N, C-alpha and C. Protein backbone atom coordinates (compact mmCIF):
# COMPACT_ATOMS: atom_id res chain seq x y z
N MET A 1 191.17 72.71 37.01
CA MET A 1 192.03 72.61 38.17
C MET A 1 191.67 71.40 39.01
N LEU A 2 190.36 71.17 39.25
CA LEU A 2 189.90 70.04 40.06
C LEU A 2 190.30 68.72 39.42
N VAL A 3 190.22 68.65 38.08
CA VAL A 3 190.58 67.42 37.37
C VAL A 3 192.08 67.14 37.54
N SER A 4 192.92 68.14 37.42
CA SER A 4 194.36 67.90 37.54
C SER A 4 194.76 67.49 38.95
N VAL A 5 194.08 67.98 39.97
CA VAL A 5 194.34 67.55 41.35
C VAL A 5 193.95 66.09 41.52
N ALA A 6 192.81 65.69 40.96
CA ALA A 6 192.36 64.30 41.06
C ALA A 6 193.32 63.37 40.33
N VAL A 7 193.79 63.77 39.16
CA VAL A 7 194.74 62.95 38.40
C VAL A 7 196.05 62.83 39.17
N ALA A 8 196.53 63.92 39.73
CA ALA A 8 197.77 63.88 40.51
C ALA A 8 197.63 62.97 41.72
N ALA A 9 196.50 63.01 42.39
CA ALA A 9 196.26 62.14 43.55
C ALA A 9 196.22 60.68 43.13
N LEU A 10 195.57 60.39 42.01
CA LEU A 10 195.49 59.02 41.51
C LEU A 10 196.88 58.50 41.15
N LEU A 11 197.68 59.31 40.49
CA LEU A 11 199.04 58.90 40.14
C LEU A 11 199.89 58.66 41.38
N ALA A 12 199.73 59.47 42.38
CA ALA A 12 200.49 59.30 43.62
C ALA A 12 200.13 58.00 44.31
N VAL A 13 198.85 57.65 44.33
CA VAL A 13 198.41 56.41 44.98
C VAL A 13 198.88 55.20 44.20
N THR A 14 198.74 55.21 42.87
CA THR A 14 199.12 54.03 42.09
C THR A 14 200.62 53.84 42.03
N SER A 15 201.41 54.91 42.11
CA SER A 15 202.86 54.73 42.07
C SER A 15 203.40 54.17 43.38
N CYS A 16 202.69 54.34 44.48
CA CYS A 16 203.12 53.80 45.77
C CYS A 16 202.86 52.31 45.88
N ALA A 17 201.88 51.82 45.16
CA ALA A 17 201.49 50.42 45.27
C ALA A 17 202.07 49.63 44.11
N ALA A 18 203.38 49.52 44.06
CA ALA A 18 204.03 48.77 42.99
C ALA A 18 203.73 47.29 43.15
N PRO A 19 203.47 46.61 42.04
CA PRO A 19 203.17 45.18 42.14
C PRO A 19 204.40 44.38 42.58
N ALA A 20 204.15 43.27 43.23
CA ALA A 20 205.24 42.39 43.66
C ALA A 20 205.93 41.83 42.43
N PRO A 21 207.25 41.61 42.48
CA PRO A 21 207.94 41.04 41.33
C PRO A 21 207.40 39.65 41.01
N GLN A 22 207.29 39.37 39.73
CA GLN A 22 206.78 38.07 39.29
C GLN A 22 207.94 37.15 38.91
N PRO A 23 207.82 35.87 39.22
CA PRO A 23 208.89 34.93 38.87
C PRO A 23 208.93 34.72 37.36
N ASP A 24 210.13 34.52 36.83
CA ASP A 24 210.24 34.20 35.41
C ASP A 24 209.99 32.71 35.23
N ALA A 25 209.91 32.27 33.98
CA ALA A 25 209.58 30.87 33.68
C ALA A 25 210.62 29.92 34.25
N GLU A 26 211.89 30.31 34.23
CA GLU A 26 212.95 29.45 34.76
C GLU A 26 212.80 29.26 36.27
N ALA A 27 212.53 30.35 36.99
CA ALA A 27 212.34 30.25 38.45
C ALA A 27 211.11 29.41 38.77
N LYS A 28 210.04 29.63 38.01
CA LYS A 28 208.81 28.87 38.25
C LYS A 28 209.05 27.38 38.02
N GLY A 29 209.78 27.03 36.96
CA GLY A 29 210.08 25.63 36.68
C GLY A 29 210.96 25.00 37.75
N ALA A 30 211.96 25.75 38.23
CA ALA A 30 212.84 25.24 39.28
C ALA A 30 212.07 25.01 40.57
N VAL A 31 211.19 25.93 40.91
CA VAL A 31 210.39 25.80 42.13
C VAL A 31 209.42 24.63 42.01
N GLN A 32 208.79 24.47 40.85
CA GLN A 32 207.87 23.35 40.66
C GLN A 32 208.62 22.02 40.83
N SER A 33 209.81 21.89 40.24
CA SER A 33 210.60 20.65 40.37
C SER A 33 210.98 20.40 41.82
N LEU A 34 211.40 21.45 42.53
CA LEU A 34 211.77 21.34 43.94
C LEU A 34 210.59 20.84 44.77
N ILE A 35 209.44 21.45 44.62
CA ILE A 35 208.27 21.08 45.42
C ILE A 35 207.81 19.67 45.08
N GLU A 36 207.77 19.32 43.79
CA GLU A 36 207.37 17.95 43.41
C GLU A 36 208.32 16.91 43.99
N ARG A 37 209.62 17.19 43.96
CA ARG A 37 210.60 16.24 44.51
C ARG A 37 210.37 16.06 46.02
N ALA A 38 210.16 17.16 46.74
CA ALA A 38 209.94 17.09 48.19
C ALA A 38 208.64 16.35 48.51
N ILE A 39 207.59 16.58 47.75
CA ILE A 39 206.31 15.90 47.99
C ILE A 39 206.42 14.42 47.64
N ASP A 40 207.10 14.11 46.53
CA ASP A 40 207.30 12.69 46.18
C ASP A 40 208.07 11.97 47.28
N ARG A 41 209.11 12.62 47.81
CA ARG A 41 209.90 12.00 48.87
C ARG A 41 209.02 11.76 50.10
N ARG A 42 208.22 12.76 50.49
CA ARG A 42 207.33 12.59 51.65
C ARG A 42 206.36 11.43 51.40
N ASN A 43 205.74 11.41 50.24
CA ASN A 43 204.75 10.38 49.95
C ASN A 43 205.36 8.99 49.91
N HIS A 44 206.59 8.87 49.46
CA HIS A 44 207.24 7.56 49.40
C HIS A 44 207.58 7.00 50.78
N GLN A 45 207.50 7.80 51.83
CA GLN A 45 207.80 7.29 53.17
C GLN A 45 206.82 6.19 53.59
N VAL A 46 205.64 6.11 52.97
CA VAL A 46 204.68 5.06 53.31
C VAL A 46 204.86 3.81 52.45
N VAL A 47 205.81 3.84 51.51
CA VAL A 47 206.09 2.68 50.66
C VAL A 47 207.05 1.75 51.41
N THR A 48 206.73 0.47 51.43
CA THR A 48 207.53 -0.52 52.12
C THR A 48 208.99 -0.45 51.69
N GLY A 49 209.90 -0.38 52.68
CA GLY A 49 211.33 -0.40 52.42
C GLY A 49 211.93 0.94 52.02
N PHE A 50 211.15 2.00 52.01
CA PHE A 50 211.67 3.30 51.58
C PHE A 50 211.93 4.19 52.79
N SER A 51 213.03 4.90 52.77
CA SER A 51 213.30 5.93 53.78
C SER A 51 214.25 6.94 53.16
N SER A 52 214.38 8.08 53.79
CA SER A 52 215.24 9.14 53.27
C SER A 52 216.28 9.54 54.31
N THR A 53 217.44 9.95 53.83
CA THR A 53 218.50 10.39 54.72
C THR A 53 218.39 11.89 54.98
N LYS A 54 219.09 12.33 56.01
CA LYS A 54 219.13 13.75 56.33
C LYS A 54 219.73 14.54 55.16
N ASP A 55 220.74 13.96 54.49
CA ASP A 55 221.35 14.63 53.34
C ASP A 55 220.34 14.82 52.21
N GLU A 56 219.50 13.81 51.97
CA GLU A 56 218.47 13.94 50.93
C GLU A 56 217.47 15.03 51.29
N ILE A 57 217.06 15.05 52.55
CA ILE A 57 216.10 16.07 53.01
C ILE A 57 216.71 17.46 52.86
N SER A 58 217.99 17.60 53.22
CA SER A 58 218.63 18.92 53.19
C SER A 58 218.82 19.47 51.78
N MET A 59 218.67 18.64 50.76
CA MET A 59 218.73 19.13 49.39
C MET A 59 217.56 20.07 49.09
N ASP A 60 216.43 19.84 49.77
CA ASP A 60 215.20 20.57 49.45
C ASP A 60 214.73 21.52 50.54
N PHE A 61 215.18 21.34 51.77
CA PHE A 61 214.67 22.11 52.90
C PHE A 61 215.77 22.93 53.56
N VAL A 62 215.40 24.09 54.11
CA VAL A 62 216.35 24.91 54.87
C VAL A 62 216.71 24.16 56.15
N PRO A 63 217.90 24.43 56.71
CA PRO A 63 218.32 23.71 57.92
C PRO A 63 217.31 23.75 59.07
N ALA A 64 216.63 24.86 59.27
CA ALA A 64 215.67 24.98 60.38
C ALA A 64 214.47 24.05 60.22
N ALA A 65 214.19 23.58 59.01
CA ALA A 65 213.02 22.72 58.77
C ALA A 65 213.34 21.23 58.85
N ILE A 66 214.60 20.87 58.81
CA ILE A 66 214.99 19.45 58.67
C ILE A 66 214.50 18.60 59.84
N GLU A 67 214.64 19.05 61.06
CA GLU A 67 214.22 18.25 62.22
C GLU A 67 212.72 17.94 62.15
N GLY A 68 211.91 18.90 61.79
CA GLY A 68 210.46 18.67 61.66
C GLY A 68 210.14 17.69 60.55
N ILE A 69 210.87 17.76 59.44
CA ILE A 69 210.65 16.83 58.33
C ILE A 69 211.04 15.42 58.74
N GLU A 70 212.15 15.28 59.46
CA GLU A 70 212.55 13.95 59.95
C GLU A 70 211.48 13.37 60.87
N LEU A 71 210.90 14.18 61.73
CA LEU A 71 209.83 13.71 62.61
C LEU A 71 208.61 13.29 61.80
N GLU A 72 208.25 14.09 60.80
CA GLU A 72 207.13 13.75 59.93
C GLU A 72 207.37 12.40 59.24
N TYR A 73 208.58 12.19 58.73
CA TYR A 73 208.90 10.93 58.06
C TYR A 73 208.83 9.75 59.02
N ARG A 74 209.30 9.94 60.25
CA ARG A 74 209.21 8.85 61.24
C ARG A 74 207.74 8.50 61.50
N LYS A 75 206.89 9.49 61.58
CA LYS A 75 205.46 9.22 61.81
C LYS A 75 204.84 8.50 60.61
N LEU A 76 205.27 8.83 59.41
CA LEU A 76 204.78 8.11 58.23
C LEU A 76 205.28 6.67 58.22
N HIS A 77 206.53 6.44 58.67
CA HIS A 77 207.05 5.06 58.78
C HIS A 77 206.23 4.28 59.81
N GLN A 78 205.87 4.92 60.93
CA GLN A 78 205.04 4.25 61.94
C GLN A 78 203.68 3.89 61.36
N ARG A 79 203.10 4.78 60.58
CA ARG A 79 201.81 4.51 59.93
C ARG A 79 201.95 3.31 58.99
N ARG A 80 203.00 3.32 58.18
CA ARG A 80 203.25 2.22 57.24
C ARG A 80 203.42 0.90 57.99
N ASP A 81 204.21 0.92 59.07
CA ASP A 81 204.48 -0.30 59.83
C ASP A 81 203.25 -0.79 60.58
N ALA A 82 202.37 0.12 60.97
CA ALA A 82 201.16 -0.27 61.71
C ALA A 82 200.15 -1.00 60.83
N ILE A 83 200.10 -0.68 59.54
CA ILE A 83 199.12 -1.35 58.67
C ILE A 83 199.69 -2.58 57.97
N ALA A 84 201.02 -2.74 57.98
CA ALA A 84 201.64 -3.87 57.30
C ALA A 84 201.18 -5.23 57.81
N PRO A 85 201.02 -5.44 59.14
CA PRO A 85 200.58 -6.76 59.62
C PRO A 85 199.19 -7.17 59.09
N TYR A 86 198.43 -6.22 58.61
CA TYR A 86 197.10 -6.52 58.08
C TYR A 86 197.13 -6.74 56.57
N GLY A 87 198.33 -6.82 56.02
CA GLY A 87 198.48 -7.08 54.59
C GLY A 87 198.27 -5.86 53.72
N VAL A 88 198.23 -4.69 54.32
CA VAL A 88 198.05 -3.46 53.55
C VAL A 88 199.43 -2.87 53.28
N LEU A 89 199.84 -2.94 52.03
CA LEU A 89 201.15 -2.44 51.64
C LEU A 89 200.99 -1.45 50.49
N LEU A 90 201.61 -0.31 50.64
CA LEU A 90 201.66 0.63 49.52
C LEU A 90 202.95 0.35 48.76
N THR A 91 202.84 0.18 47.45
CA THR A 91 203.98 -0.21 46.65
C THR A 91 204.55 0.92 45.80
N ASP A 92 203.78 1.98 45.59
CA ASP A 92 204.28 3.09 44.78
C ASP A 92 203.40 4.31 44.99
N THR A 93 203.98 5.47 44.74
CA THR A 93 203.24 6.72 44.76
C THR A 93 203.69 7.56 43.57
N GLY A 94 202.84 8.41 43.12
CA GLY A 94 203.19 9.35 42.06
C GLY A 94 202.43 10.65 42.28
N SER A 95 203.14 11.75 42.17
CA SER A 95 202.52 13.05 42.45
C SER A 95 202.90 14.08 41.39
N GLU A 96 201.98 14.98 41.17
CA GLU A 96 202.22 16.17 40.36
C GLU A 96 201.65 17.35 41.11
N ILE A 97 202.20 18.52 40.85
CA ILE A 97 201.62 19.71 41.47
C ILE A 97 201.25 20.71 40.39
N THR A 98 200.28 21.52 40.73
CA THR A 98 199.90 22.67 39.92
C THR A 98 200.15 23.90 40.77
N ILE A 99 200.90 24.84 40.25
CA ILE A 99 201.12 26.10 40.96
C ILE A 99 199.92 26.99 40.69
N LYS A 100 199.22 27.34 41.77
CA LYS A 100 198.05 28.21 41.65
C LYS A 100 198.43 29.67 41.79
N LYS A 101 199.41 29.95 42.63
CA LYS A 101 199.83 31.34 42.86
C LYS A 101 201.28 31.32 43.34
N PHE A 102 202.09 32.21 42.81
CA PHE A 102 203.51 32.29 43.13
C PHE A 102 203.82 33.76 43.42
N THR A 103 204.14 34.06 44.67
CA THR A 103 204.40 35.44 45.07
C THR A 103 205.81 35.56 45.62
N ILE A 104 206.59 36.43 45.03
CA ILE A 104 207.93 36.71 45.55
C ILE A 104 207.77 37.70 46.71
N THR A 105 208.45 37.41 47.83
CA THR A 105 208.36 38.27 49.01
C THR A 105 209.73 38.86 49.31
N GLN A 106 209.81 39.66 50.36
CA GLN A 106 211.08 40.26 50.77
C GLN A 106 212.10 39.19 51.15
N THR A 107 211.64 38.10 51.76
CA THR A 107 212.56 37.08 52.28
C THR A 107 212.60 35.81 51.44
N GLY A 108 211.78 35.69 50.42
CA GLY A 108 211.76 34.47 49.62
C GLY A 108 210.56 34.43 48.70
N ALA A 109 209.71 33.43 48.90
CA ALA A 109 208.52 33.30 48.07
C ALA A 109 207.46 32.50 48.80
N LYS A 110 206.23 32.72 48.39
CA LYS A 110 205.09 31.96 48.90
C LYS A 110 204.39 31.38 47.67
N VAL A 111 204.18 30.06 47.69
CA VAL A 111 203.60 29.38 46.55
C VAL A 111 202.38 28.58 47.01
N GLU A 112 201.25 28.83 46.39
CA GLU A 112 200.05 28.04 46.66
C GLU A 112 199.96 26.98 45.58
N ILE A 113 199.84 25.71 46.02
CA ILE A 113 199.85 24.60 45.07
C ILE A 113 198.65 23.68 45.30
N SER A 114 198.40 22.87 44.28
CA SER A 114 197.45 21.78 44.40
C SER A 114 198.21 20.51 44.04
N GLU A 115 198.27 19.58 44.98
CA GLU A 115 198.97 18.29 44.78
C GLU A 115 197.95 17.25 44.34
N GLN A 116 198.28 16.52 43.28
CA GLN A 116 197.47 15.38 42.84
C GLN A 116 198.34 14.13 43.00
N THR A 117 197.91 13.21 43.86
CA THR A 117 198.71 12.03 44.17
C THR A 117 197.92 10.76 43.95
N GLN A 118 198.60 9.75 43.40
CA GLN A 118 198.06 8.40 43.24
C GLN A 118 198.91 7.44 44.07
N LEU A 119 198.26 6.56 44.81
CA LEU A 119 198.93 5.55 45.62
C LEU A 119 198.55 4.17 45.09
N GLU A 120 199.55 3.31 44.96
CA GLU A 120 199.31 1.94 44.50
C GLU A 120 199.47 0.98 45.67
N HIS A 121 198.49 0.10 45.84
CA HIS A 121 198.51 -0.91 46.89
C HIS A 121 199.01 -2.23 46.34
N GLY A 122 199.70 -2.98 47.20
CA GLY A 122 200.09 -4.34 46.85
C GLY A 122 198.87 -5.24 46.97
N PRO A 123 198.93 -6.44 46.41
CA PRO A 123 197.79 -7.36 46.51
C PRO A 123 197.55 -7.80 47.96
N VAL A 124 196.29 -8.02 48.29
CA VAL A 124 195.88 -8.52 49.60
C VAL A 124 195.28 -9.90 49.38
N ASN A 125 195.86 -10.92 50.02
CA ASN A 125 195.43 -12.30 49.84
C ASN A 125 195.38 -12.68 48.36
N GLY A 126 196.38 -12.21 47.61
CA GLY A 126 196.48 -12.55 46.20
C GLY A 126 195.59 -11.74 45.28
N VAL A 127 194.83 -10.81 45.80
CA VAL A 127 193.93 -10.01 44.97
C VAL A 127 194.44 -8.56 44.91
N GLN A 128 194.64 -8.10 43.68
CA GLN A 128 195.10 -6.72 43.51
C GLN A 128 193.92 -5.77 43.67
N GLY A 129 194.03 -4.90 44.65
CA GLY A 129 192.98 -3.93 44.89
C GLY A 129 193.19 -2.66 44.08
N PRO A 130 192.24 -1.77 44.15
CA PRO A 130 192.37 -0.52 43.41
C PRO A 130 193.36 0.42 44.10
N GLY A 131 193.90 1.33 43.34
CA GLY A 131 194.74 2.38 43.91
C GLY A 131 193.84 3.43 44.56
N GLU A 132 194.48 4.40 45.15
CA GLU A 132 193.72 5.51 45.71
C GLU A 132 194.40 6.80 45.31
N GLY A 133 193.66 7.86 45.32
CA GLY A 133 194.23 9.14 44.95
C GLY A 133 193.61 10.26 45.76
N TYR A 134 194.29 11.38 45.75
CA TYR A 134 193.75 12.55 46.44
C TYR A 134 194.30 13.82 45.80
N VAL A 135 193.59 14.91 46.06
CA VAL A 135 194.02 16.25 45.71
C VAL A 135 194.14 17.00 47.02
N TYR A 136 195.25 17.70 47.22
CA TYR A 136 195.53 18.33 48.50
C TYR A 136 196.16 19.70 48.25
N ASP A 137 195.49 20.75 48.68
CA ASP A 137 195.97 22.11 48.49
C ASP A 137 196.88 22.52 49.64
N GLN A 138 198.03 23.11 49.30
CA GLN A 138 199.03 23.47 50.30
C GLN A 138 199.65 24.83 49.98
N THR A 139 200.24 25.42 51.00
CA THR A 139 201.01 26.64 50.84
C THR A 139 202.46 26.32 51.20
N VAL A 140 203.36 26.66 50.30
CA VAL A 140 204.78 26.37 50.48
C VAL A 140 205.52 27.70 50.62
N GLU A 141 206.29 27.81 51.70
CA GLU A 141 207.14 28.99 51.92
C GLU A 141 208.56 28.62 51.50
N LEU A 142 209.19 29.49 50.73
CA LEU A 142 210.53 29.24 50.20
C LEU A 142 211.50 30.33 50.64
N GLU A 143 212.77 29.95 50.74
CA GLU A 143 213.84 30.92 50.99
C GLU A 143 214.89 30.75 49.91
N ARG A 144 215.54 31.85 49.57
CA ARG A 144 216.65 31.81 48.62
C ARG A 144 217.91 31.42 49.38
N THR A 145 218.62 30.42 48.89
CA THR A 145 219.92 30.05 49.46
C THR A 145 220.91 30.08 48.30
N GLY A 146 221.65 31.17 48.21
CA GLY A 146 222.53 31.35 47.06
C GLY A 146 221.69 31.55 45.81
N ASP A 147 221.94 30.71 44.81
CA ASP A 147 221.18 30.80 43.56
C ASP A 147 219.97 29.88 43.54
N ALA A 148 219.75 29.13 44.60
CA ALA A 148 218.68 28.13 44.60
C ALA A 148 217.60 28.47 45.62
N TRP A 149 216.44 27.86 45.43
CA TRP A 149 215.34 27.95 46.39
C TRP A 149 215.39 26.73 47.29
N LYS A 150 214.99 26.91 48.56
CA LYS A 150 214.78 25.78 49.48
C LYS A 150 213.47 26.03 50.22
N ILE A 151 212.86 24.94 50.64
CA ILE A 151 211.57 25.01 51.32
C ILE A 151 211.79 25.28 52.81
N SER A 152 211.06 26.26 53.33
CA SER A 152 211.11 26.51 54.78
C SER A 152 209.89 25.91 55.47
N SER A 153 208.76 25.80 54.75
CA SER A 153 207.59 25.15 55.33
C SER A 153 206.60 24.75 54.24
N ILE A 154 205.85 23.70 54.55
CA ILE A 154 204.72 23.28 53.72
C ILE A 154 203.56 23.09 54.68
N ALA A 155 202.45 23.75 54.40
CA ALA A 155 201.29 23.67 55.30
C ALA A 155 200.02 23.51 54.48
N PRO A 156 199.02 22.84 55.07
CA PRO A 156 197.75 22.70 54.36
C PRO A 156 197.11 24.07 54.13
N GLU A 157 196.52 24.25 52.96
CA GLU A 157 195.84 25.50 52.68
C GLU A 157 194.60 25.65 53.56
N ASN A 158 193.91 24.53 53.76
CA ASN A 158 192.72 24.50 54.61
C ASN A 158 192.90 23.40 55.65
N PRO A 159 193.53 23.71 56.79
CA PRO A 159 193.77 22.67 57.79
C PRO A 159 192.48 22.00 58.23
N GLY A 160 192.55 20.72 58.39
CA GLY A 160 191.39 19.97 58.85
C GLY A 160 191.56 18.50 58.58
N LYS A 161 190.89 17.71 59.37
CA LYS A 161 190.99 16.27 59.27
C LYS A 161 189.80 15.75 58.48
N PRO A 162 189.93 14.61 57.85
CA PRO A 162 191.11 13.75 57.82
C PRO A 162 192.13 14.25 56.80
N TYR A 163 193.39 13.98 57.09
CA TYR A 163 194.46 14.31 56.16
C TYR A 163 194.68 13.12 55.23
N PRO A 164 195.24 13.35 54.04
CA PRO A 164 195.53 12.24 53.13
C PRO A 164 196.46 11.21 53.77
N THR A 165 196.50 10.03 53.21
CA THR A 165 197.30 8.91 53.71
C THR A 165 198.76 9.28 53.93
N THR A 166 199.31 10.09 53.06
CA THR A 166 200.75 10.40 53.13
C THR A 166 201.04 11.72 53.83
N VAL A 167 200.07 12.25 54.56
CA VAL A 167 200.25 13.54 55.24
C VAL A 167 200.00 13.36 56.73
N VAL A 168 200.94 13.87 57.53
CA VAL A 168 200.82 13.83 58.99
C VAL A 168 200.14 15.12 59.44
N ASP A 169 199.23 15.00 60.39
CA ASP A 169 198.56 16.17 60.97
C ASP A 169 199.64 17.14 61.47
N PRO A 170 199.69 18.36 60.93
CA PRO A 170 200.76 19.29 61.33
C PRO A 170 200.73 19.64 62.82
N ASP A 171 199.61 19.47 63.48
CA ASP A 171 199.54 19.74 64.92
C ASP A 171 200.30 18.71 65.75
N THR A 172 200.70 17.58 65.14
CA THR A 172 201.41 16.53 65.88
C THR A 172 202.92 16.56 65.62
N ILE A 173 203.37 17.53 64.86
CA ILE A 173 204.81 17.62 64.53
C ILE A 173 205.44 18.73 65.34
């Protein structure tokens, strides 16, 4: 009798704690492409002559996030313009992400990622310098809009300074 009560209690507890739904391979691939595109666009804001339109931003972000992203991009343009007189020019960026954790929530999804980015510098006084790179862990919040995902926020996993070259301190946005 005691054993059957314990088994019944265990079954009751485990049936209440259903696991969160897991994304299928197609959803995971779509989200990875979305996040990589948004990060590449952000990183390219420090490349001479590059900027993004509100329409481009709205392809990847929910309407409530667009104003903050535009402010972030303006700050990256200011950073780019401030170092240009010293001959420091970034000519290209390339990024990849690794999805560390993908959790579907009631309102969308939460994705923990690791960004690996390489930045290429233009020559200074005729001498080509080395590129630079960084790894940056972030948490991305997503919302479903129709059949597609859009980003509602991207935040550092471990906030703290200094931030990478292509990242604005979130406390200033």
